[in-house]
């Protein structure tokens, strides 16, 4: 449960960076991670990982993601790097793809954090 606090702190930091900084505070996020609220937890998982929400892109841009961990998982799923040792997709896109195929996207996202 300690790891979830890191994610909650980052969510608060992200929300504060947007114009509606007053909207979400830590007390607003806690209920979404309560195991007794599975439908709500699934909904918030989709929201956090959704491209339009922008949280994943913000994490990458603000150096909050362990890029070596993402590279390792990407190679594990794809078996190789793309042509000439370069990737066809950006780190941001690779993270979105990995989270979209995951059964546990929030736990995976937490594991990618620095």
PDB file of N, CA and C in Angstrom:
ATOM      1  N   UNK A   1       0.820  -1.195   0.000  1.00  0.00           N
ATOM      2  CA  UNK A   1       0.000   0.000   0.000  1.00  0.00           C
ATOM      3  C   UNK A   1       0.866   1.262   0.000  1.00  0.00           C
ATOM      4  N   UNK A   2       2.108   1.124   0.448  1.00  0.00           N
ATOM      5  CA  UNK A   2       3.010   2.275   0.489  1.00  0.00           C
ATOM      6  C   UNK A   2       3.236   2.840  -0.907  1.00  0.00           C
ATOM      7  N   UNK A   3       3.324   1.976  -1.910  1.00  0.00           N
ATOM      8  CA  UNK A   3       3.580   2.408  -3.277  1.00  0.00           C
ATOM      9  C   UNK A   3       2.435   3.245  -3.836  1.00  0.00           C
ATOM     10  N   UNK A   4       1.212   2.956  -3.411  1.00  0.00           N
ATOM     11  CA  UNK A   4       0.066   3.693  -3.925  1.00  0.00           C
ATOM     12  C   UNK A   4       0.137   5.159  -3.512  1.00  0.00           C
ATOM     13  N   UNK A   5       0.757   5.435  -2.377  1.00  0.00           N
ATOM     14  CA  UNK A   5       0.885   6.828  -1.926  1.00  0.00           C
ATOM     15  C   UNK A   5       1.761   7.635  -2.869  1.00  0.00           C
ATOM     16  N   UNK A   6       2.769   6.991  -3.422  1.00  0.00           N
ATOM     17  CA  UNK A   6       3.628   7.674  -4.389  1.00  0.00           C
ATOM     18  C   UNK A   6       2.805   8.077  -5.615  1.00  0.00           C
ATOM     19  N   UNK A   7       1.964   7.164  -6.074  1.00  0.00           N
ATOM     20  CA  UNK A   7       1.095   7.447  -7.214  1.00  0.00           C
ATOM     21  C   UNK A   7       0.109   8.561  -6.866  1.00  0.00           C
ATOM     22  N   UNK A   8      -0.474   8.518  -5.693  1.00  0.00           N
ATOM     23  CA  UNK A   8      -1.428   9.539  -5.267  1.00  0.00           C
ATOM     24  C   UNK A   8      -0.753  10.910  -5.205  1.00  0.00           C
ATOM     25  N   UNK A   9       0.464  10.947  -4.677  1.00  0.00           N
ATOM     26  CA  UNK A   9       1.201  12.218  -4.622  1.00  0.00           C
ATOM     27  C   UNK A   9       1.456  12.763  -6.027  1.00  0.00           C
ATOM     28  N   UNK A  10       1.812  11.880  -6.954  1.00  0.00           N
ATOM     29  CA  UNK A  10       2.045  12.317  -8.338  1.00  0.00           C
ATOM     30  C   UNK A  10       0.752  12.787  -9.003  1.00  0.00           C
ATOM     31  N   UNK A  11      -0.346  12.102  -8.717  1.00  0.00           N
ATOM     32  CA  UNK A  11      -1.641  12.534  -9.251  1.00  0.00           C
ATOM     33  C   UNK A  11      -1.987  13.927  -8.734  1.00  0.00           C
ATOM     34  N   UNK A  12      -1.744  14.158  -7.455  1.00  0.00           N
ATOM     35  CA  UNK A  12      -2.007  15.488  -6.886  1.00  0.00           C
ATOM     36  C   UNK A  12      -1.108  16.537  -7.530  1.00  0.00           C
ATOM     37  N   UNK A  13       0.160  16.200  -7.718  1.00  0.00           N
ATOM     38  CA  UNK A  13       1.093  17.132  -8.356  1.00  0.00           C
ATOM     39  C   UNK A  13       0.638  17.449  -9.781  1.00  0.00           C
ATOM     40  N   UNK A  14       0.213  16.425 -10.500  1.00  0.00           N
ATOM     41  CA  UNK A  14      -0.275  16.621 -11.870  1.00  0.00           C
ATOM     42  C   UNK A  14      -1.513  17.513 -11.876  1.00  0.00           C
ATOM     43  N   UNK A  15      -2.453  17.212 -11.000  1.00  0.00           N
ATOM     44  CA  UNK A  15      -3.684  18.005 -10.945  1.00  0.00           C
ATOM     45  C   UNK A  15      -3.389  19.461 -10.596  1.00  0.00           C
ATOM     46  N   UNK A  16      -2.440  19.683  -9.685  1.00  0.00           N
ATOM     47  CA  UNK A  16      -2.080  21.055  -9.320  1.00  0.00           C
ATOM     48  C   UNK A  16      -1.441  21.792 -10.487  1.00  0.00           C
ATOM     49  N   UNK A  17      -0.825  21.050 -11.400  1.00  0.00           N
ATOM     50  CA  UNK A  17      -0.183  21.684 -12.544  1.00  0.00           C
ATOM     51  C   UNK A  17      -1.193  22.126 -13.601  1.00  0.00           C
ATOM     52  N   UNK A  18      -2.423  21.684 -13.453  1.00  0.00           N
ATOM     53  CA  UNK A  18      -3.470  22.057 -14.396  1.00  0.00           C
ATOM     54  C   UNK A  18      -4.262  23.235 -13.833  1.00  0.00           C
ATOM     55  N   UNK A  19      -5.096  23.826 -14.637  1.00  0.00           N
ATOM     56  CA  UNK A  19      -5.848  25.015 -14.221  1.00  0.00           C
ATOM     57  C   UNK A  19      -6.832  24.742 -13.094  1.00  0.00           C
ATOM     58  N   UNK A  20      -7.285  23.526 -12.952  1.00  0.00           N
ATOM     59  CA  UNK A  20      -8.248  23.210 -11.902  1.00  0.00           C
ATOM     60  C   UNK A  20      -7.556  22.576 -10.700  1.00  0.00           C
ATOM     61  N   UNK A  21      -6.452  23.195 -10.288  1.00  0.00           N
ATOM     62  CA  UNK A  21      -5.633  22.630  -9.221  1.00  0.00           C
ATOM     63  C   UNK A  21      -6.402  22.389  -7.934  1.00  0.00           C
ATOM     64  N   UNK A  22      -7.423  23.092  -7.686  1.00  0.00           N
ATOM     65  CA  UNK A  22      -8.191  22.933  -6.453  1.00  0.00           C
ATOM     66  C   UNK A  22      -9.104  21.715  -6.482  1.00  0.00           C
ATOM     67  N   UNK A  23      -9.309  21.146  -7.666  1.00  0.00           N
ATOM     68  CA  UNK A  23     -10.343  20.120  -7.825  1.00  0.00           C
ATOM     69  C   UNK A  23     -10.043  18.824  -7.080  1.00  0.00           C
ATOM     70  N   UNK A  24      -8.853  18.283  -7.275  1.00  0.00           N
ATOM     71  CA  UNK A  24      -8.505  17.013  -6.644  1.00  0.00           C
ATOM     72  C   UNK A  24      -7.496  17.235  -5.537  1.00  0.00           C
ATOM     73  N   UNK A  25      -7.757  16.634  -4.438  1.00  0.00           N
ATOM     74  CA  UNK A  25      -6.803  16.620  -3.341  1.00  0.00           C
ATOM     75  C   UNK A  25      -6.675  15.174  -2.903  1.00  0.00           C
ATOM     76  N   UNK A  26      -5.728  14.911  -2.064  1.00  0.00           N
ATOM     77  CA  UNK A  26      -5.453  13.530  -1.672  1.00  0.00           C
ATOM     78  C   UNK A  26      -6.695  12.817  -1.145  1.00  0.00           C
ATOM     79  N   UNK A  27      -7.526  13.491  -0.406  1.00  0.00           N
ATOM     80  CA  UNK A  27      -8.726  12.850   0.138  1.00  0.00           C
ATOM     81  C   UNK A  27      -9.686  12.428  -0.971  1.00  0.00           C
ATOM     82  N   UNK A  28      -9.603  13.068  -2.119  1.00  0.00           N
ATOM     83  CA  UNK A  28     -10.480  12.705  -3.226  1.00  0.00           C
ATOM     84  C   UNK A  28      -9.996  11.440  -3.941  1.00  0.00           C
ATOM     85  N   UNK A  29      -8.706  11.163  -3.899  1.00  0.00           N
ATOM     86  CA  UNK A  29      -8.173   9.994  -4.599  1.00  0.00           C
ATOM     87  C   UNK A  29      -8.271   8.722  -3.774  1.00  0.00           C
ATOM     88  N   UNK A  30      -8.160   8.813  -2.469  1.00  0.00           N
ATOM     89  CA  UNK A  30      -8.083   7.625  -1.612  1.00  0.00           C
ATOM     90  C   UNK A  30      -9.243   6.656  -1.838  1.00  0.00           C
ATOM     91  N   UNK A  31     -10.499   7.113  -1.896  1.00  0.00           N
ATOM     92  CA  UNK A  31     -11.594   6.148  -2.080  1.00  0.00           C
ATOM     93  C   UNK A  31     -11.502   5.331  -3.363  1.00  0.00           C
ATOM     94  N   UNK A  32     -10.861   5.872  -4.396  1.00  0.00           N
ATOM     95  CA  UNK A  32     -10.779   5.161  -5.664  1.00  0.00           C
ATOM     96  C   UNK A  32      -9.845   3.955  -5.607  1.00  0.00           C
ATOM     97  N   UNK A  33      -8.981   3.912  -4.610  1.00  0.00           N
ATOM     98  CA  UNK A  33      -8.052   2.802  -4.489  1.00  0.00           C
ATOM     99  C   UNK A  33      -8.479   1.812  -3.404  1.00  0.00           C
ATOM    100  N   UNK A  34      -9.648   2.009  -2.863  1.00  0.00           N
ATOM    101  CA  UNK A  34     -10.198   1.115  -1.854  1.00  0.00           C
ATOM    102  C   UNK A  34     -10.667  -0.161  -2.552  1.00  0.00           C
ATOM    103  N   UNK A  35     -10.231  -1.303  -2.056  1.00  0.00           N
ATOM    104  CA  UNK A  35     -10.580  -2.587  -2.690  1.00  0.00           C
ATOM    105  C   UNK A  35     -12.068  -2.896  -2.625  1.00  0.00           C
ATOM    106  N   UNK A  36     -12.794  -2.200  -1.782  1.00  0.00           N
ATOM    107  CA  UNK A  36     -14.228  -2.443  -1.669  1.00  0.00           C
ATOM    108  C   UNK A  36     -15.020  -1.752  -2.783  1.00  0.00           C
ATOM    109  N   UNK A  37     -14.337  -0.984  -3.611  1.00  0.00           N
ATOM    110  CA  UNK A  37     -15.004  -0.266  -4.692  1.00  0.00           C
ATOM    111  C   UNK A  37     -14.451  -0.697  -6.047  1.00  0.00           C
ATOM    112  N   UNK A  38     -14.635  -1.970  -6.428  1.00  0.00           N
ATOM    113  CA  UNK A  38     -13.985  -2.464  -7.646  1.00  0.00           C
ATOM    114  C   UNK A  38     -14.400  -1.735  -8.920  1.00  0.00           C
ATOM    115  N   UNK A  39     -15.664  -1.399  -9.084  1.00  0.00           N
ATOM    116  CA  UNK A  39     -16.078  -0.711 -10.314  1.00  0.00           C
ATOM    117  C   UNK A  39     -15.455   0.673 -10.383  1.00  0.00           C
ATOM    118  N   UNK A  40     -15.439   1.363  -9.278  1.00  0.00           N
ATOM    119  CA  UNK A  40     -14.846   2.688  -9.244  1.00  0.00           C
ATOM    120  C   UNK A  40     -13.343   2.589  -9.460  1.00  0.00           C
ATOM    121  N   UNK A  41     -12.719   1.574  -8.885  1.00  0.00           N
ATOM    122  CA  UNK A  41     -11.278   1.381  -9.054  1.00  0.00           C
ATOM    123  C   UNK A  41     -10.950   1.117 -10.521  1.00  0.00           C
ATOM    124  N   UNK A  42     -11.771   0.325 -11.189  1.00  0.00           N
ATOM    125  CA  UNK A  42     -11.553   0.072 -12.616  1.00  0.00           C
ATOM    126  C   UNK A  42     -11.724   1.355 -13.419  1.00  0.00           C
ATOM    127  N   UNK A  43     -12.721   2.143 -13.076  1.00  0.00           N
ATOM    128  CA  UNK A  43     -12.953   3.398 -13.787  1.00  0.00           C
ATOM    129  C   UNK A  43     -11.770   4.347 -13.628  1.00  0.00           C
ATOM    130  N   UNK A  44     -11.285   4.493 -12.421  1.00  0.00           N
ATOM    131  CA  UNK A  44     -10.173   5.419 -12.187  1.00  0.00           C
ATOM    132  C   UNK A  44      -8.904   4.903 -12.847  1.00  0.00           C
ATOM    133  N   UNK A  45      -8.728   3.589 -12.939  1.00  0.00           N
ATOM    134  CA  UNK A  45      -7.581   3.018 -13.643  1.00  0.00           C
ATOM    135  C   UNK A  45      -7.609   3.421 -15.109  1.00  0.00           C
ATOM    136  N   UNK A  46      -8.784   3.358 -15.705  1.00  0.00           N
ATOM    137  CA  UNK A  46      -8.927   3.752 -17.108  1.00  0.00           C
ATOM    138  C   UNK A  46      -8.663   5.244 -17.257  1.00  0.00           C
ATOM    139  N   UNK A  47      -9.191   6.045 -16.354  1.00  0.00           N
ATOM    140  CA  UNK A  47      -8.984   7.493 -16.417  1.00  0.00           C
ATOM    141  C   UNK A  47      -7.505   7.845 -16.330  1.00  0.00           C
ATOM    142  N   UNK A  48      -6.814   7.303 -15.357  1.00  0.00           N
ATOM    143  CA  UNK A  48      -5.403   7.624 -15.138  1.00  0.00           C
ATOM    144  C   UNK A  48      -4.562   7.231 -16.351  1.00  0.00           C
ATOM    145  N   UNK A  49      -4.869   6.100 -16.937  1.00  0.00           N
ATOM    146  CA  UNK A  49      -4.064   5.580 -18.050  1.00  0.00           C
ATOM    147  C   UNK A  49      -4.530   6.073 -19.415  1.00  0.00           C
ATOM    148  N   UNK A  50      -5.612   6.837 -19.472  1.00  0.00           N
ATOM    149  CA  UNK A  50      -6.150   7.301 -20.752  1.00  0.00           C
ATOM    150  C   UNK A  50      -5.286   8.401 -21.350  1.00  0.00           C
ATOM    151  N   UNK A  51      -5.068   8.311 -22.644  1.00  0.00           N
ATOM    152  CA  UNK A  51      -4.269   9.315 -23.349  1.00  0.00           C
ATOM    153  C   UNK A  51      -4.827  10.730 -23.177  1.00  0.00           C
ATOM    154  N   UNK A  52      -6.150  10.944 -23.321  1.00  0.00           N
ATOM    155  CA  UNK A  52      -6.664  12.315 -23.190  1.00  0.00           C
ATOM    156  C   UNK A  52      -6.436  12.954 -21.813  1.00  0.00           C
ATOM    157  N   UNK A  53      -6.380  12.161 -20.771  1.00  0.00           N
ATOM    158  CA  UNK A  53      -6.156  12.703 -19.429  1.00  0.00           C
ATOM    159  C   UNK A  53      -4.762  13.320 -19.321  1.00  0.00           C
ATOM    160  N   UNK A  54      -3.780  12.730 -19.986  1.00  0.00           N
ATOM    161  CA  UNK A  54      -2.451  13.320 -20.071  1.00  0.00           C
ATOM    162  C   UNK A  54      -1.495  13.012 -18.932  1.00  0.00           C
ATOM    163  N   UNK A  55      -1.911  12.200 -17.983  1.00  0.00           N
ATOM    164  CA  UNK A  55      -1.069  11.913 -16.820  1.00  0.00           C
ATOM    165  C   UNK A  55       0.198  11.156 -17.202  1.00  0.00           C
ATOM    166  N   UNK A  56       0.081  10.160 -18.053  1.00  0.00           N
ATOM    167  CA  UNK A  56       1.242   9.358 -18.445  1.00  0.00           C
ATOM    168  C   UNK A  56       2.251  10.235 -19.192  1.00  0.00           C
ATOM    169  N   UNK A  57       1.763  11.070 -20.095  1.00  0.00           N
ATOM    170  CA  UNK A  57       2.650  11.978 -20.822  1.00  0.00           C
ATOM    171  C   UNK A  57       3.358  12.923 -19.849  1.00  0.00           C
ATOM    172  N   UNK A  58       2.637  13.427 -18.874  1.00  0.00           N
ATOM    173  CA  UNK A  58       3.220  14.309 -17.865  1.00  0.00           C
ATOM    174  C   UNK A  58       4.303  13.586 -17.070  1.00  0.00           C
ATOM    175  N   UNK A  59       4.061  12.320 -16.709  1.00  0.00           N
ATOM    176  CA  UNK A  59       5.068  11.543 -15.974  1.00  0.00           C
ATOM    177  C   UNK A  59       6.354  11.425 -16.780  1.00  0.00           C
ATOM    178  N   UNK A  60       6.226  11.136 -18.076  1.00  0.00           N
ATOM    179  CA  UNK A  60       7.398  10.986 -18.941  1.00  0.00           C
ATOM    180  C   UNK A  60       8.127  12.330 -19.068  1.00  0.00           C
ATOM    181  N   UNK A  61       7.384  13.386 -19.344  1.00  0.00           N
ATOM    182  CA  UNK A  61       7.991  14.703 -19.536  1.00  0.00           C
ATOM    183  C   UNK A  61       8.674  15.233 -18.275  1.00  0.00           C
ATOM    184  N   UNK A  62       8.197  14.826 -17.114  1.00  0.00           N
ATOM    185  CA  UNK A  62       8.746  15.304 -15.851  1.00  0.00           C
ATOM    186  C   UNK A  62       9.693  14.302 -15.197  1.00  0.00           C
ATOM    187  N   UNK A  63      10.159  13.324 -15.986  1.00  0.00           N
ATOM    188  CA  UNK A  63      11.168  12.373 -15.545  1.00  0.00           C
ATOM    189  C   UNK A  63      10.770  11.613 -14.275  1.00  0.00           C
ATOM    190  N   UNK A  64       9.534  11.136 -14.248  1.00  0.00           N
ATOM    191  CA  UNK A  64       9.026  10.379 -13.100  1.00  0.00           C
ATOM    192  C   UNK A  64       9.001   8.875 -13.371  1.00  0.00           C
ATOM    193  N   UNK A  65       9.376   8.481 -14.602  1.00  0.00           N
ATOM    194  CA  UNK A  65       9.315   7.088 -15.035  1.00  0.00           C
ATOM    195  C   UNK A  65      10.722   6.521 -15.147  1.00  0.00           C
ATOM    196  N   UNK A  66      10.883   5.274 -14.688  1.00  0.00           N
ATOM    197  CA  UNK A  66      12.146   4.557 -14.830  1.00  0.00           C
ATOM    198  C   UNK A  66      12.193   3.989 -16.255  1.00  0.00           C
ATOM    199  N   UNK A  67      12.908   4.665 -17.132  1.00  0.00           N
ATOM    200  CA  UNK A  67      12.930   4.293 -18.550  1.00  0.00           C
ATOM    201  C   UNK A  67      13.565   2.925 -18.787  1.00  0.00           C
ATOM    202  N   UNK A  68      14.535   2.547 -17.962  1.00  0.00           N
ATOM    203  CA  UNK A  68      15.153   1.228 -18.095  1.00  0.00           C
ATOM    204  C   UNK A  68      14.137   0.125 -17.821  1.00  0.00           C
ATOM    205  N   UNK A  69      13.277   0.345 -16.851  1.00  0.00           N
ATOM    206  CA  UNK A  69      12.237  -0.636 -16.521  1.00  0.00           C
ATOM    207  C   UNK A  69      11.257  -0.781 -17.692  1.00  0.00           C
ATOM    208  N   UNK A  70      10.859   0.336 -18.282  1.00  0.00           N
ATOM    209  CA  UNK A  70       9.938   0.300 -19.424  1.00  0.00           C
ATOM    210  C   UNK A  70      10.590  -0.412 -20.601  1.00  0.00           C
ATOM    211  N   UNK A  71      11.867  -0.117 -20.851  1.00  0.00           N
ATOM    212  CA  UNK A  71      12.595  -0.769 -21.947  1.00  0.00           C
ATOM    213  C   UNK A  71      12.647  -2.281 -21.727  1.00  0.00           C
ATOM    214  N   UNK A  72      12.926  -2.678 -20.506  1.00  0.00           N
ATOM    215  CA  UNK A  72      12.999  -4.105 -20.169  1.00  0.00           C
ATOM    216  C   UNK A  72      11.655  -4.795 -20.410  1.00  0.00           C
ATOM    217  N   UNK A  73      10.571  -4.197 -19.958  1.00  0.00           N
ATOM    218  CA  UNK A  73       9.235  -4.779 -20.143  1.00  0.00           C
ATOM    219  C   UNK A  73       8.859  -4.793 -21.621  1.00  0.00           C
ATOM    220  N   UNK A  74       9.193  -3.708 -22.335  1.00  0.00           N
ATOM    221  CA  UNK A  74       8.885  -3.624 -23.767  1.00  0.00           C
ATOM    222  C   UNK A  74       9.573  -4.754 -24.532  1.00  0.00           C
ATOM    223  N   UNK A  75      10.860  -4.956 -24.264  1.00  0.00           N
ATOM    224  CA  UNK A  75      11.613  -6.021 -24.936  1.00  0.00           C
ATOM    225  C   UNK A  75      11.053  -7.391 -24.554  1.00  0.00           C
ATOM    226  N   UNK A  76      10.643  -7.544 -23.308  1.00  0.00           N
ATOM    227  CA  UNK A  76      10.050  -8.809 -22.855  1.00  0.00           C
ATOM    228  C   UNK A  76       8.783  -9.128 -23.651  1.00  0.00           C
ATOM    229  N   UNK A  77       7.958  -8.114 -23.903  1.00  0.00           N
ATOM    230  CA  UNK A  77       6.709  -8.324 -24.640  1.00  0.00           C
ATOM    231  C   UNK A  77       6.925  -8.430 -26.149  1.00  0.00           C
ATOM    232  N   UNK A  78       7.922  -7.714 -26.672  1.00  0.00           N
ATOM    233  CA  UNK A  78       8.132  -7.668 -28.115  1.00  0.00           C
ATOM    234  C   UNK A  78       9.304  -8.512 -28.603  1.00  0.00           C
ATOM    235  N   UNK A  79      10.137  -8.960 -27.689  1.00  0.00           N
ATOM    236  CA  UNK A  79      11.230  -9.838 -28.042  1.00  0.00           C
ATOM    237  C   UNK A  79      12.443  -9.173 -28.651  1.00  0.00           C
ATOM    238  N   UNK A  80      12.340  -7.883 -28.970  1.00  0.00           N
ATOM    239  CA  UNK A  80      13.472  -7.206 -29.607  1.00  0.00           C
ATOM    240  C   UNK A  80      13.212  -5.706 -29.617  1.00  0.00           C
ATOM    241  N   UNK A  81      14.246  -4.987 -30.008  1.00  0.00           N
ATOM    242  CA  UNK A  81      14.080  -3.565 -30.282  1.00  0.00           C
ATOM    243  C   UNK A  81      13.681  -3.445 -31.748  1.00  0.00           C
ATOM    244  N   UNK A  82      13.229  -2.291 -32.149  1.00  0.00           N
ATOM    245  CA  UNK A  82      12.855  -2.090 -33.544  1.00  0.00           C
ATOM    246  C   UNK A  82      14.106  -1.904 -34.410  1.00  0.00           C
ATOM    247  N   UNK A  83      13.925  -1.588 -35.652  1.00  0.00           N
ATOM    248  CA  UNK A  83      14.994  -1.458 -36.639  1.00  0.00           C
ATOM    249  C   UNK A  83      16.133  -0.570 -36.148  1.00  0.00           C
ATOM    250  N   UNK A  84      17.363  -1.019 -36.383  1.00  0.00           N
ATOM    251  CA  UNK A  84      18.573  -0.269 -36.065  1.00  0.00           C
ATOM    252  C   UNK A  84      18.695   0.116 -34.588  1.00  0.00           C
ATOM    253  N   UNK A  85      18.114  -0.686 -33.704  1.00  0.00           N
ATOM    254  CA  UNK A  85      18.231  -0.403 -32.287  1.00  0.00           C
ATOM    255  C   UNK A  85      17.394   0.772 -31.818  1.00  0.00           C
ATOM    256  N   UNK A  86      16.566   1.293 -32.681  1.00  0.00           N
ATOM    257  CA  UNK A  86      15.700   2.410 -32.315  1.00  0.00           C
ATOM    258  C   UNK A  86      14.270   1.910 -32.171  1.00  0.00           C
ATOM    259  N   UNK A  87      13.486   2.702 -31.495  1.00  0.00           N
ATOM    260  CA  UNK A  87      12.090   2.338 -31.322  1.00  0.00           C
ATOM    261  C   UNK A  87      11.217   3.133 -32.273  1.00  0.00           C
ATOM    262  N   UNK A  88      10.213   2.488 -32.796  1.00  0.00           N
ATOM    263  CA  UNK A  88       9.261   3.149 -33.675  1.00  0.00           C
ATOM    264  C   UNK A  88       8.335   4.061 -32.869  1.00  0.00           C
ATOM    265  N   UNK A  89       8.125   3.708 -31.604  1.00  0.00           N
ATOM    266  CA  UNK A  89       7.209   4.455 -30.741  1.00  0.00           C
ATOM    267  C   UNK A  89       7.976   5.171 -29.638  1.00  0.00           C
ATOM    268  N   UNK A  90       7.460   6.301 -29.207  1.00  0.00           N
ATOM    269  CA  UNK A  90       8.081   7.050 -28.112  1.00  0.00           C
ATOM    270  C   UNK A  90       7.874   6.295 -26.799  1.00  0.00           C
ATOM    271  N   UNK A  91       8.609   6.686 -25.787  1.00  0.00           N
ATOM    272  CA  UNK A  91       8.459   6.072 -24.455  1.00  0.00           C
ATOM    273  C   UNK A  91       7.008   6.222 -23.998  1.00  0.00           C
ATOM    274  N   UNK A  92       6.482   7.398 -24.175  1.00  0.00           N
ATOM    275  CA  UNK A  92       5.096   7.681 -23.793  1.00  0.00           C
ATOM    276  C   UNK A  92       4.123   6.707 -24.463  1.00  0.00           C
ATOM    277  N   UNK A  93       4.279   6.506 -25.761  1.00  0.00           N
ATOM    278  CA  UNK A  93       3.405   5.588 -26.489  1.00  0.00           C
ATOM    279  C   UNK A  93       3.601   4.149 -26.041  1.00  0.00           C
ATOM    280  N   UNK A  94       4.858   3.765 -25.787  1.00  0.00           N
ATOM    281  CA  UNK A  94       5.121   2.401 -25.322  1.00  0.00           C
ATOM    282  C   UNK A  94       4.472   2.147 -23.972  1.00  0.00           C
ATOM    283  N   UNK A  95       4.523   3.132 -23.078  1.00  0.00           N
ATOM    284  CA  UNK A  95       3.895   2.963 -21.767  1.00  0.00           C
ATOM    285  C   UNK A  95       2.390   2.814 -21.924  1.00  0.00           C
ATOM    286  N   UNK A  96       1.784   3.649 -22.745  1.00  0.00           N
ATOM    287  CA  UNK A  96       0.337   3.533 -22.985  1.00  0.00           C
ATOM    288  C   UNK A  96      -0.019   2.147 -23.520  1.00  0.00           C
ATOM    289  N   UNK A  97       0.790   1.646 -24.446  1.00  0.00           N
ATOM    290  CA  UNK A  97       0.527   0.319 -25.013  1.00  0.00           C
ATOM    291  C   UNK A  97       0.659  -0.777 -23.962  1.00  0.00           C
ATOM    292  N   UNK A  98       1.721  -0.703 -23.167  1.00  0.00           N
ATOM    293  CA  UNK A  98       1.921  -1.716 -22.129  1.00  0.00           C
ATOM    294  C   UNK A  98       0.787  -1.692 -21.112  1.00  0.00           C
ATOM    295  N   UNK A  99       0.358  -0.506 -20.714  1.00  0.00           N
ATOM    296  CA  UNK A  99      -0.734  -0.406 -19.740  1.00  0.00           C
ATOM    297  C   UNK A  99      -2.056  -0.879 -20.335  1.00  0.00           C
ATOM    298  N   UNK A 100      -2.244  -0.659 -21.625  1.00  0.00           N
ATOM    299  CA  UNK A 100      -3.511  -1.050 -22.254  1.00  0.00           C
ATOM    300  C   UNK A 100      -3.679  -2.566 -22.347  1.00  0.00           C
ATOM    301  N   UNK A 101      -2.586  -3.309 -22.377  1.00  0.00           N
ATOM    302  CA  UNK A 101      -2.699  -4.770 -22.446  1.00  0.00           C
ATOM    303  C   UNK A 101      -2.566  -5.430 -21.083  1.00  0.00           C
ATOM    304  N   UNK A 102      -2.356  -4.635 -20.067  1.00  0.00           N
ATOM    305  CA  UNK A 102      -2.145  -5.173 -18.730  1.00  0.00           C
ATOM    306  C   UNK A 102      -3.458  -5.475 -18.020  1.00  0.00           C
ATOM    307  N   UNK A 103      -3.449  -6.547 -17.232  1.00  0.00           N
ATOM    308  CA  UNK A 103      -4.594  -6.856 -16.379  1.00  0.00           C
ATOM    309  C   UNK A 103      -4.580  -5.995 -15.122  1.00  0.00           C
ATOM    310  N   UNK A 104      -3.411  -5.471 -14.781  1.00  0.00           N
ATOM    311  CA  UNK A 104      -3.253  -4.652 -13.576  1.00  0.00           C
ATOM    312  C   UNK A 104      -2.498  -3.367 -13.924  1.00  0.00           C
ATOM    313  N   UNK A 105      -3.139  -2.459 -14.657  1.00  0.00           N
ATOM    314  CA  UNK A 105      -2.426  -1.269 -15.137  1.00  0.00           C
ATOM    315  C   UNK A 105      -1.912  -0.357 -14.031  1.00  0.00           C
ATOM    316  N   UNK A 106      -2.660  -0.200 -12.959  1.00  0.00           N
ATOM    317  CA  UNK A 106      -2.205   0.686 -11.880  1.00  0.00           C
ATOM    318  C   UNK A 106      -0.972   0.116 -11.204  1.00  0.00           C
ATOM    319  N   UNK A 107      -0.978  -1.175 -10.922  1.00  0.00           N
ATOM    320  CA  UNK A 107       0.175  -1.804 -10.297  1.00  0.00           C
ATOM    321  C   UNK A 107       1.390  -1.727 -11.223  1.00  0.00           C
ATOM    322  N   UNK A 108       1.151  -1.919 -12.520  1.00  0.00           N
ATOM    323  CA  UNK A 108       2.256  -1.805 -13.483  1.00  0.00           C
ATOM    324  C   UNK A 108       2.789  -0.379 -13.546  1.00  0.00           C
ATOM    325  N   UNK A 109       1.884   0.589 -13.572  1.00  0.00           N
ATOM    326  CA  UNK A 109       2.310   1.982 -13.600  1.00  0.00           C
ATOM    327  C   UNK A 109       3.148   2.309 -12.367  1.00  0.00           C
ATOM    328  N   UNK A 110       2.732   1.838 -11.225  1.00  0.00           N
ATOM    329  CA  UNK A 110       3.494   2.061  -9.988  1.00  0.00           C
ATOM    330  C   UNK A 110       4.884   1.450 -10.115  1.00  0.00           C
ATOM    331  N   UNK A 111       4.979   0.283 -10.738  1.00  0.00           N
ATOM    332  CA  UNK A 111       6.286  -0.362 -10.882  1.00  0.00           C
ATOM    333  C   UNK A 111       7.201   0.402 -11.833  1.00  0.00           C
ATOM    334  N   UNK A 112       6.637   1.220 -12.737  1.00  0.00           N
ATOM    335  CA  UNK A 112       7.446   2.017 -13.667  1.00  0.00           C
ATOM    336  C   UNK A 112       7.957   3.313 -13.050  1.00  0.00           C
ATOM    337  N   UNK A 113       7.367   3.719 -11.924  1.00  0.00           N
ATOM    338  CA  UNK A 113       7.768   4.981 -11.313  1.00  0.00           C
ATOM    339  C   UNK A 113       9.159   4.895 -10.707  1.00  0.00           C
ATOM    340  N   UNK A 114       9.858   6.036 -10.725  1.00  0.00           N
ATOM    341  CA  UNK A 114      11.185   6.105 -10.106  1.00  0.00           C
ATOM    342  C   UNK A 114      11.056   6.100  -8.608  1.00  0.00           C
TER     343      UNK A 114
END
